[in-house]
Amino acid sequence: MEELNQQVVTSSEQLQSYQSDIIDLRRTVDTLEIELQTQHSLRDSLENTLTETEARYASQLAQMQGLVTNVESQLAEIRCDLERQNQEYRVLLDVRARLEAEINTYRGLLDSEDCKLPCNPCSTPSQPSSSVPRTVCVPRTVCVPCVPCHPSCH
């Protein structure tokens, strides 16, 4: 009987030890379940934050792309304006060059005609001509001083 009592005591001690281990393991399981729930909550929170961040950045990206498109459109418009103005400028330069050539042609014609005019066309034969320049009246009522003609014009 002593042996049986010894076995009961040993079994009882083992049972208490196992029960203590079970209690410790249950506490560990409870702690781990709480930790697992905490980690799930953290993961869910991070996923929500990621989703919100992606949505915000997608919105900002779309806004920036709209701005870039707008600036590109303005740039294309400015380039067209510059090209148009450049074309107009070239046309005006061409017109200017032709007008200057025409003015020079008329100036040359006028200079050659001035040499053919008498030096004092407004004087009458009874008035002696003097060496002092007089005013010559030409058509369109423009008065210009009469300068003696160059000897090379005669």
C-alpha atoms as a PDB file:
ATOM      1  CA  MET A   1       0.000   0.000   0.000  1.00  0.00           C
ATOM      2  CA  GLU A   2       2.756   2.252   0.637  1.00  0.00           C
ATOM      3  CA  GLU A   3       3.728   1.864  -2.932  1.00  0.00           C
ATOM      4  CA  LEU A   4       0.290   2.751  -4.052  1.00  0.00           C
ATOM      5  CA  ASN A   5       0.295   5.809  -1.828  1.00  0.00           C
ATOM      6  CA  GLN A   6       3.636   6.728  -3.254  1.00  0.00           C
ATOM      7  CA  GLN A   7       2.236   6.414  -6.770  1.00  0.00           C
ATOM      8  CA  VAL A   8      -0.811   8.489  -5.824  1.00  0.00           C
ATOM      9  CA  VAL A   9       1.423  11.190  -4.366  1.00  0.00           C
ATOM     10  CA  THR A  10       3.678  11.107  -7.405  1.00  0.00           C
ATOM     11  CA  SER A  11       0.718  11.106  -9.736  1.00  0.00           C
ATOM     12  CA  SER A  12      -0.857  13.877  -7.751  1.00  0.00           C
ATOM     13  CA  GLU A  13       2.331  15.942  -7.980  1.00  0.00           C
ATOM     14  CA  GLN A  14       2.552  15.247 -11.690  1.00  0.00           C
ATOM     15  CA  LEU A  15      -1.094  16.204 -12.077  1.00  0.00           C
ATOM     16  CA  GLN A  16      -0.496  19.488 -10.266  1.00  0.00           C
ATOM     17  CA  SER A  17       2.570  20.080 -12.369  1.00  0.00           C
ATOM     18  CA  TYR A  18       0.619  19.350 -15.540  1.00  0.00           C
ATOM     19  CA  GLN A  19      -2.240  21.551 -14.369  1.00  0.00           C
ATOM     20  CA  SER A  20       0.241  24.313 -13.639  1.00  0.00           C
ATOM     21  CA  ASP A  21       1.756  23.813 -17.102  1.00  0.00           C
ATOM     22  CA  ILE A  22      -1.732  23.872 -18.628  1.00  0.00           C
ATOM     23  CA  ILE A  23      -2.529  27.118 -16.796  1.00  0.00           C
ATOM     24  CA  ASP A  24       0.770  28.621 -17.978  1.00  0.00           C
ATOM     25  CA  LEU A  25       0.113  27.427 -21.503  1.00  0.00           C
ATOM     26  CA  ARG A  26      -3.418  28.862 -21.427  1.00  0.00           C
ATOM     27  CA  ARG A  27      -1.995  32.203 -20.278  1.00  0.00           C
ATOM     28  CA  THR A  28       0.559  32.008 -23.067  1.00  0.00           C
ATOM     29  CA  VAL A  29      -2.180  31.141 -25.583  1.00  0.00           C
ATOM     30  CA  ASP A  30      -4.332  34.019 -24.296  1.00  0.00           C
ATOM     31  CA  THR A  31      -1.370  36.390 -24.508  1.00  0.00           C
ATOM     32  CA  LEU A  32      -0.551  35.156 -28.001  1.00  0.00           C
ATOM     33  CA  GLU A  33      -4.192  35.497 -29.097  1.00  0.00           C
ATOM     34  CA  ILE A  34      -4.246  39.067 -27.789  1.00  0.00           C
ATOM     35  CA  GLU A  35      -0.953  39.732 -29.593  1.00  0.00           C
ATOM     36  CA  LEU A  36      -2.382  38.141 -32.746  1.00  0.00           C
ATOM     37  CA  GLN A  37      -5.490  40.343 -32.549  1.00  0.00           C
ATOM     38  CA  THR A  38      -3.258  43.375 -31.998  1.00  0.00           C
ATOM     39  CA  GLN A  39      -1.182  42.438 -35.041  1.00  0.00           C
ATOM     40  CA  HIS A  40      -4.348  41.904 -37.128  1.00  0.00           C
ATOM     41  CA  SER A  41      -5.630  45.315 -36.039  1.00  0.00           C
ATOM     42  CA  LEU A  42      -2.266  46.882 -36.860  1.00  0.00           C
ATOM     43  CA  ARG A  43      -2.247  45.165 -40.265  1.00  0.00           C
ATOM     44  CA  ASP A  44      -5.811  46.358 -40.983  1.00  0.00           C
ATOM     45  CA  SER A  45      -4.890  49.879 -39.921  1.00  0.00           C
ATOM     46  CA  LEU A  46      -1.770  49.860 -42.103  1.00  0.00           C
ATOM     47  CA  GLU A  47      -3.752  48.487 -45.061  1.00  0.00           C
ATOM     48  CA  ASN A  48      -6.331  51.267 -44.617  1.00  0.00           C
ATOM     49  CA  THR A  49      -3.551  53.850 -44.401  1.00  0.00           C
ATOM     50  CA  LEU A  50      -1.948  52.391 -47.520  1.00  0.00           C
ATOM     51  CA  THR A  51      -5.263  52.470 -49.396  1.00  0.00           C
ATOM     52  CA  GLU A  52      -5.884  56.085 -48.349  1.00  0.00           C
ATOM     53  CA  THR A  53      -2.330  57.070 -49.290  1.00  0.00           C
ATOM     54  CA  GLU A  54      -2.600  55.375 -52.681  1.00  0.00           C
ATOM     55  CA  ALA A  55      -5.938  57.110 -53.317  1.00  0.00           C
ATOM     56  CA  ARG A  56      -4.523  60.490 -52.255  1.00  0.00           C
ATOM     57  CA  TYR A  57      -1.421  60.081 -54.431  1.00  0.00           C
ATOM     58  CA  ALA A  58      -3.518  58.860 -57.360  1.00  0.00           C
ATOM     59  CA  SER A  59      -5.659  61.985 -57.005  1.00  0.00           C
ATOM     60  CA  GLN A  60      -2.582  64.210 -56.775  1.00  0.00           C
ATOM     61  CA  LEU A  61      -1.036  62.441 -59.762  1.00  0.00           C
ATOM     62  CA  ALA A  62      -4.199  62.981 -61.811  1.00  0.00           C
ATOM     63  CA  GLN A  63      -4.192  66.641 -60.770  1.00  0.00           C
ATOM     64  CA  MET A  64      -0.518  67.026 -61.738  1.00  0.00           C
ATOM     65  CA  GLN A  65      -1.133  65.276 -65.056  1.00  0.00           C
ATOM     66  CA  GLY A  66      -3.951  67.734 -65.698  1.00  0.00           C
ATOM     67  CA  LEU A  67      -1.605  70.629 -64.946  1.00  0.00           C
ATOM     68  CA  VAL A  68       1.087  69.159 -67.197  1.00  0.00           C
ATOM     69  CA  THR A  69      -1.456  68.700 -69.984  1.00  0.00           C
ATOM     70  CA  ASN A  70      -2.605  72.295 -69.524  1.00  0.00           C
ATOM     71  CA  VAL A  71       0.975  73.623 -69.579  1.00  0.00           C
ATOM     72  CA  GLU A  72       1.785  71.514 -72.654  1.00  0.00           C
ATOM     73  CA  SER A  73      -1.308  72.917 -74.366  1.00  0.00           C
ATOM     74  CA  GLN A  74      -0.279  76.472 -73.474  1.00  0.00           C
ATOM     75  CA  LEU A  75       3.244  75.763 -74.686  1.00  0.00           C
ATOM     76  CA  ALA A  76       1.934  74.469 -78.016  1.00  0.00           C
ATOM     77  CA  GLU A  77      -0.250  77.571 -78.305  1.00  0.00           C
ATOM     78  CA  ILE A  78       2.722  79.828 -77.549  1.00  0.00           C
ATOM     79  CA  ARG A  79       4.834  77.997 -80.114  1.00  0.00           C
ATOM     80  CA  CYS A  80       2.103  78.491 -82.721  1.00  0.00           C
ATOM     81  CA  ASP A  81       1.894  82.192 -81.816  1.00  0.00           C
ATOM     82  CA  LEU A  82       5.665  82.533 -82.059  1.00  0.00           C
ATOM     83  CA  GLU A  83       5.704  80.789 -85.422  1.00  0.00           C
ATOM     84  CA  ARG A  84       2.882  83.020 -86.663  1.00  0.00           C
ATOM     85  CA  GLN A  85       4.654  86.151 -85.379  1.00  0.00           C
ATOM     86  CA  ASN A  86       7.916  84.973 -86.915  1.00  0.00           C
ATOM     87  CA  GLN A  87       6.160  84.474 -90.251  1.00  0.00           C
ATOM     88  CA  GLU A  88       4.556  87.935 -89.990  1.00  0.00           C
ATOM     89  CA  TYR A  89       7.953  89.407 -89.101  1.00  0.00           C
ATOM     90  CA  ARG A  90       9.560  87.805 -92.157  1.00  0.00           C
ATOM     91  CA  VAL A  91       6.739  89.135 -94.354  1.00  0.00           C
ATOM     92  CA  LEU A  92       7.159  92.617 -92.860  1.00  0.00           C
ATOM     93  CA  LEU A  93      10.927  92.475 -93.356  1.00  0.00           C
ATOM     94  CA  ASP A  94      10.360  91.507 -96.972  1.00  0.00           C
ATOM     95  CA  VAL A  95       7.863  94.356 -97.428  1.00  0.00           C
ATOM     96  CA  ARG A  96      10.304  96.746 -95.758  1.00  0.00           C
ATOM     97  CA  ALA A  97      13.152  95.643 -98.017  1.00  0.00           C
ATOM     98  CA  ARG A  98      10.980  96.102-101.102  1.00  0.00           C
ATOM     99  CA  LEU A  99       9.781  99.516 -99.892  1.00  0.00           C
ATOM    100  CA  GLU A 100      13.345 100.614 -99.161  1.00  0.00           C
ATOM    101  CA  ALA A 101      14.384  99.478-102.628  1.00  0.00           C
ATOM    102  CA  GLU A 102      11.453 101.371-104.136  1.00  0.00           C
ATOM    103  CA  ILE A 103      12.300 104.480-102.097  1.00  0.00           C
ATOM    104  CA  ASN A 104      15.905 104.270-103.246  1.00  0.00           C
ATOM    105  CA  THR A 105      14.712 103.914-106.846  1.00  0.00           C
ATOM    106  CA  TYR A 106      12.498 106.998-106.527  1.00  0.00           C
ATOM    107  CA  ARG A 107      15.249 108.878-104.706  1.00  0.00           C
ATOM    108  CA  GLY A 108      17.625 108.093-107.557  1.00  0.00           C
ATOM    109  CA  LEU A 109      15.039 109.209-110.099  1.00  0.00           C
ATOM    110  CA  LEU A 110      14.393 112.433-108.185  1.00  0.00           C
ATOM    111  CA  ASP A 111      18.105 113.139-107.857  1.00  0.00           C
ATOM    112  CA  SER A 112      18.602 112.669-111.595  1.00  0.00           C
ATOM    113  CA  GLU A 113      15.568 114.889-112.356  1.00  0.00           C
ATOM    114  CA  ASP A 114      16.833 117.610-109.992  1.00  0.00           C
ATOM    115  CA  CYS A 115      19.973 117.884-112.071  1.00  0.00           C
ATOM    116  CA  LYS A 116      17.876 118.454-115.225  1.00  0.00           C
ATOM    117  CA  LEU A 117      15.877 121.352-113.729  1.00  0.00           C
ATOM    118  CA  PRO A 118      17.101 124.930-114.149  1.00  0.00           C
ATOM    119  CA  CYS A 119      18.757 126.345-111.088  1.00  0.00           C
ATOM    120  CA  ASN A 120      16.273 129.176-110.691  1.00  0.00           C
ATOM    121  CA  PRO A 121      12.936 128.166-112.235  1.00  0.00           C
ATOM    122  CA  CYS A 122      10.881 130.726-110.314  1.00  0.00           C
ATOM    123  CA  SER A 123      12.842 133.741-111.515  1.00  0.00           C
ATOM    124  CA  THR A 124      11.584 135.733-114.461  1.00  0.00           C
ATOM    125  CA  PRO A 125      13.826 136.867-117.288  1.00  0.00           C
ATOM    126  CA  SER A 126      13.647 140.450-115.995  1.00  0.00           C
ATOM    127  CA  GLN A 127      14.991 139.374-112.609  1.00  0.00           C
ATOM    128  CA  PRO A 128      18.675 138.818-112.545  1.00  0.00           C
ATOM    129  CA  SER A 129      19.744 135.617-110.981  1.00  0.00           C
ATOM    130  CA  SER A 130      21.930 135.923-107.975  1.00  0.00           C
ATOM    131  CA  SER A 131      24.262 133.572-106.276  1.00  0.00           C
ATOM    132  CA  VAL A 132      22.012 133.494-103.190  1.00  0.00           C
ATOM    133  CA  PRO A 133      19.849 130.365-103.206  1.00  0.00           C
ATOM    134  CA  ARG A 134      16.177 131.071-103.722  1.00  0.00           C
ATOM    135  CA  THR A 135      13.129 129.000-102.993  1.00  0.00           C
ATOM    136  CA  VAL A 136      11.890 126.855-105.819  1.00  0.00           C
ATOM    137  CA  CYS A 137       8.192 126.118-105.988  1.00  0.00           C
ATOM    138  CA  VAL A 138       7.453 122.647-107.179  1.00  0.00           C
ATOM    139  CA  PRO A 139       4.139 120.870-107.574  1.00  0.00           C
ATOM    140  CA  ARG A 140       2.275 119.963-104.399  1.00  0.00           C
ATOM    141  CA  THR A 141       3.278 123.335-102.924  1.00  0.00           C
ATOM    142  CA  VAL A 142       6.472 122.100-101.424  1.00  0.00           C
ATOM    143  CA  CYS A 143       9.122 124.771-101.330  1.00  0.00           C
ATOM    144  CA  VAL A 144      12.724 123.693-101.385  1.00  0.00           C
ATOM    145  CA  PRO A 145      15.817 125.862-101.608  1.00  0.00           C
ATOM    146  CA  CYS A 146      17.350 126.091-105.032  1.00  0.00           C
ATOM    147  CA  VAL A 147      20.937 125.006-105.024  1.00  0.00           C
ATOM    148  CA  PRO A 148      23.213 125.545-107.975  1.00  0.00           C
ATOM    149  CA  CYS A 149      23.414 122.511-110.185  1.00  0.00           C
ATOM    150  CA  HIS A 150      26.509 120.453-110.273  1.00  0.00           C
ATOM    151  CA  PRO A 151      28.604 120.973-113.357  1.00  0.00           C
ATOM    152  CA  SER A 152      28.378 117.257-114.036  1.00  0.00           C
ATOM    153  CA  CYS A 153      24.597 117.538-114.519  1.00  0.00           C
ATOM    154  CA  HIS A 154      24.743 119.850-117.533  1.00  0.00           C
END
